[in-house]
N, C-alpha and C. Protein backbone atom coordinates (compact mmCIF):
# COMPACT_ATOMS: atom_id res chain seq x y z
N MET A 1 66.07 37.68 -22.49
CA MET A 1 66.58 37.68 -23.93
C MET A 1 66.25 36.29 -24.54
N TYR A 2 66.80 35.20 -23.88
CA TYR A 2 66.59 33.90 -24.44
C TYR A 2 65.06 33.49 -24.47
N PHE A 3 64.47 33.83 -23.40
CA PHE A 3 62.98 33.51 -23.28
C PHE A 3 62.22 34.12 -24.36
N GLU A 4 62.50 35.39 -24.62
CA GLU A 4 61.85 36.23 -25.67
C GLU A 4 62.11 35.52 -27.00
N GLU A 5 63.32 35.15 -27.32
CA GLU A 5 63.63 34.49 -28.53
C GLU A 5 62.89 33.17 -28.68
N LEU A 6 62.89 32.40 -27.70
CA LEU A 6 62.21 31.09 -27.65
C LEU A 6 60.69 31.28 -27.84
N LYS A 7 60.12 32.30 -27.27
CA LYS A 7 58.69 32.57 -27.34
C LYS A 7 58.38 32.92 -28.78
N ARG A 8 59.23 33.76 -29.31
CA ARG A 8 59.02 34.24 -30.80
C ARG A 8 59.13 33.00 -31.76
N SER A 9 60.05 32.17 -31.40
CA SER A 9 60.30 30.93 -32.25
C SER A 9 59.03 30.08 -32.23
N MET A 10 58.44 29.83 -30.98
CA MET A 10 57.34 29.07 -30.77
C MET A 10 56.16 29.55 -31.57
N GLU A 11 55.94 30.85 -31.43
CA GLU A 11 54.84 31.62 -32.11
C GLU A 11 55.04 31.39 -33.64
N TRP A 12 56.30 31.54 -34.14
CA TRP A 12 56.53 31.44 -35.59
C TRP A 12 56.17 29.97 -36.03
N LEU A 13 56.67 28.98 -35.24
CA LEU A 13 56.39 27.58 -35.62
C LEU A 13 54.99 27.30 -35.58
N ALA A 14 54.15 27.87 -34.62
CA ALA A 14 52.75 27.74 -34.48
C ALA A 14 52.05 28.07 -35.77
N GLY A 15 52.67 29.07 -36.50
CA GLY A 15 52.07 29.57 -37.71
C GLY A 15 52.62 28.88 -38.91
N HIS A 16 53.57 28.03 -38.65
CA HIS A 16 54.25 27.29 -39.83
C HIS A 16 54.58 25.88 -39.38
N LYS A 17 53.41 25.11 -39.04
CA LYS A 17 53.52 23.78 -38.58
C LYS A 17 54.29 22.89 -39.55
N ASP A 18 54.18 23.16 -40.76
CA ASP A 18 54.78 22.26 -41.76
C ASP A 18 56.28 22.43 -41.87
N THR A 19 56.83 23.52 -41.15
CA THR A 19 58.25 23.66 -41.06
C THR A 19 58.90 23.27 -39.81
N ILE A 20 58.05 22.71 -38.87
CA ILE A 20 58.52 22.31 -37.56
C ILE A 20 59.67 21.29 -37.75
N PHE A 21 59.37 20.19 -38.52
CA PHE A 21 60.35 19.18 -38.65
C PHE A 21 61.62 19.67 -39.39
N LEU A 22 61.50 20.59 -40.33
CA LEU A 22 62.67 21.21 -40.93
C LEU A 22 63.42 22.02 -39.96
N GLY A 23 62.78 22.79 -39.13
CA GLY A 23 63.47 23.54 -38.02
C GLY A 23 64.17 22.71 -37.13
N GLN A 24 63.65 21.55 -36.75
CA GLN A 24 64.28 20.64 -35.80
C GLN A 24 65.59 20.07 -36.37
N ALA A 25 65.49 19.74 -37.64
CA ALA A 25 66.45 19.10 -38.44
C ALA A 25 67.76 20.07 -38.49
N VAL A 26 67.45 21.37 -38.71
CA VAL A 26 68.43 22.46 -38.78
C VAL A 26 69.10 22.72 -37.48
N SER A 27 68.17 22.63 -36.38
CA SER A 27 68.62 23.09 -35.01
C SER A 27 69.58 21.93 -34.50
N VAL A 28 69.43 20.76 -34.91
CA VAL A 28 70.14 19.59 -34.43
C VAL A 28 71.33 19.26 -35.39
N PRO A 29 72.53 19.65 -35.05
CA PRO A 29 73.69 19.32 -35.86
C PRO A 29 73.86 17.82 -36.06
N GLY A 30 74.42 17.46 -37.24
CA GLY A 30 74.57 16.08 -37.61
C GLY A 30 73.33 15.41 -37.97
């Protein structure tokens, strides 16, 4: 389950490189 979610997230980020930084900022609290 987790691996599939991670894989899908990586594939999504691969197609949206411009949002990688934004994604990291949202994933990390504070």
